[in-house]
Amino acid sequence: MELKEKMKQAPLKQRWEWFLDRLTKLIGKKPQDVEAIIYLIGVQELGQGFRVFSKEEKQDLMHIATCRLLSKVGLFELEGHDKDGWPHWKKVKNVPFLDHDNQENLLKTQIIEYFEEEDIF
């Protein structure tokens, strides 16, 4: 069985550690937290490359990434892009109440799947 297939069947904690190791090798340092990874996804989804972003733009990037990640579980849908190329999402279902640990596990699962689907490594 291929390593990626084995990892898909592993517990989330093990999959997350494998993911962090791969991401660390890719970017040269270990991300500080889930929010840092969400920010990177936002930059990727914007598609304009890395540059210096304002505080408001950083918040928007994290929103873009969160919507993109939660779109895979049917909570958001891409509406389109504005004249500056920024994607806009609409909520199609209410986000269910989840405690902190379950929220983080949902995001971690979606982050791993995002990187796999985008074939980033």
Protein backbone atom coordinates (compact mmCIF):
# COMPACT_ATOMS: atom_id res chain seq x y z
CA MET A 1 0.00 0.00 0.00
CA GLU A 2 1.29 3.45 -0.96
CA LEU A 3 2.31 5.83 1.86
CA LYS A 4 -0.39 8.39 1.01
CA GLU A 5 -3.04 5.65 1.17
CA LYS A 6 -1.74 4.49 4.55
CA MET A 7 -1.82 8.04 5.85
CA LYS A 8 -5.44 8.52 4.78
CA GLN A 9 -6.38 5.62 7.01
CA ALA A 10 -4.29 6.79 9.98
CA PRO A 11 -5.77 8.66 12.95
CA LEU A 12 -6.04 12.44 12.49
CA LYS A 13 -3.25 13.17 14.98
CA GLN A 14 -0.82 11.03 12.97
CA ARG A 15 -2.02 12.48 9.65
CA TRP A 16 -1.59 16.01 11.02
CA GLU A 17 1.99 15.33 12.16
CA TRP A 18 2.82 13.85 8.75
CA PHE A 19 1.24 16.89 7.09
CA LEU A 20 3.21 19.33 9.29
CA ASP A 21 6.46 17.52 8.49
CA ARG A 22 5.77 17.78 4.75
CA LEU A 23 4.72 21.44 4.99
CA THR A 24 7.80 22.28 7.06
CA LYS A 25 10.03 20.78 4.36
CA LEU A 26 8.13 22.72 1.68
CA ILE A 27 8.23 26.18 3.28
CA GLY A 28 11.42 25.85 5.33
CA LYS A 29 9.95 26.27 8.79
CA LYS A 30 7.19 24.77 10.89
CA PRO A 31 3.97 26.81 10.88
CA GLN A 32 3.16 28.27 14.29
CA ASP A 33 -0.47 27.18 14.28
CA VAL A 34 -3.55 26.31 12.23
CA GLU A 35 -4.21 30.01 11.59
CA ALA A 36 -0.83 30.39 9.86
CA ILE A 37 -1.71 27.52 7.53
CA ILE A 38 -5.14 29.02 6.86
CA TYR A 39 -3.41 32.28 5.93
CA LEU A 40 -1.17 30.41 3.45
CA ILE A 41 -4.25 28.79 1.90
CA GLY A 42 -5.83 32.23 1.57
CA VAL A 43 -2.78 33.51 -0.31
CA GLN A 44 -2.90 30.43 -2.55
CA GLU A 45 -6.63 30.86 -3.23
CA LEU A 46 -6.22 34.54 -4.04
CA GLY A 47 -3.70 33.51 -6.67
CA GLN A 48 -1.78 36.78 -6.79
CA GLY A 49 1.41 35.47 -5.21
CA PHE A 50 2.89 36.52 -1.92
CA ARG A 51 3.21 40.19 -1.13
CA VAL A 52 2.81 42.42 1.89
CA PHE A 53 -0.86 42.44 2.91
CA SER A 54 -2.58 44.95 5.17
CA LYS A 55 -4.14 43.74 8.42
CA GLU A 56 -7.59 43.87 6.80
CA GLU A 57 -6.37 41.94 3.76
CA LYS A 58 -4.86 39.27 6.04
CA GLN A 59 -8.25 38.88 7.74
CA ASP A 60 -9.89 38.65 4.31
CA LEU A 61 -7.37 36.00 3.24
CA MET A 62 -8.18 33.92 6.31
CA HIS A 63 -11.88 34.30 5.55
CA ILE A 64 -11.32 33.19 1.94
CA ALA A 65 -9.38 30.14 3.11
CA THR A 66 -11.95 29.21 5.76
CA CYS A 67 -14.78 29.46 3.25
CA ARG A 68 -12.81 27.40 0.73
CA LEU A 69 -12.10 24.72 3.33
CA LEU A 70 -15.70 24.62 4.58
CA SER A 71 -17.06 24.57 1.04
CA LYS A 72 -15.94 20.93 0.90
CA VAL A 73 -18.47 20.06 3.59
CA GLY A 74 -21.23 22.08 1.91
CA LEU A 75 -21.28 25.17 4.14
CA PHE A 76 -20.09 27.77 1.61
CA GLU A 77 -20.28 28.24 -2.13
CA LEU A 78 -18.10 30.39 -4.37
CA GLU A 79 -20.11 33.32 -5.78
CA GLY A 80 -17.38 34.67 -8.00
CA HIS A 81 -14.51 37.14 -8.01
CA ASP A 82 -14.53 40.92 -7.79
CA LYS A 83 -12.74 43.28 -10.19
CA ASP A 84 -9.52 42.92 -8.17
CA GLY A 85 -9.60 39.12 -8.36
CA TRP A 86 -10.68 38.47 -4.78
CA PRO A 87 -13.04 35.50 -4.41
CA HIS A 88 -16.38 35.98 -2.67
CA TRP A 89 -18.27 33.20 -0.93
CA LYS A 90 -21.82 32.85 0.27
CA LYS A 91 -22.98 30.77 3.19
CA VAL A 92 -25.35 28.04 2.01
CA LYS A 93 -25.81 26.28 5.36
CA ASN A 94 -25.40 27.40 8.93
CA VAL A 95 -22.20 26.26 10.52
CA PRO A 96 -23.11 23.66 13.14
CA PHE A 97 -22.07 24.29 16.72
CA LEU A 98 -18.83 22.49 17.48
CA ASP A 99 -16.67 22.76 20.55
CA HIS A 100 -13.11 24.03 20.09
CA ASP A 101 -11.52 20.59 19.67
CA ASN A 102 -14.05 19.48 17.07
CA GLN A 103 -13.72 22.80 15.19
CA GLU A 104 -9.97 22.35 15.08
CA ASN A 105 -10.27 18.72 13.98
CA LEU A 106 -12.66 19.70 11.18
CA LEU A 107 -10.26 22.41 9.98
CA LYS A 108 -7.24 20.11 10.22
CA THR A 109 -9.02 17.43 8.20
CA GLN A 110 -10.04 19.95 5.55
CA ILE A 111 -6.54 21.46 5.44
CA ILE A 112 -4.97 18.06 4.83
CA GLU A 113 -7.52 17.29 2.13
CA TYR A 114 -6.96 20.70 0.53
CA PHE A 115 -3.23 20.09 0.17
CA GLU A 116 -3.88 16.59 -1.18
CA GLU A 117 -6.49 17.80 -3.71
CA GLU A 118 -4.34 20.69 -4.87
CA ASP A 119 -1.40 18.26 -5.17
CA ILE A 120 0.82 20.73 -3.35
CA PHE A 121 3.14 17.95 -2.17
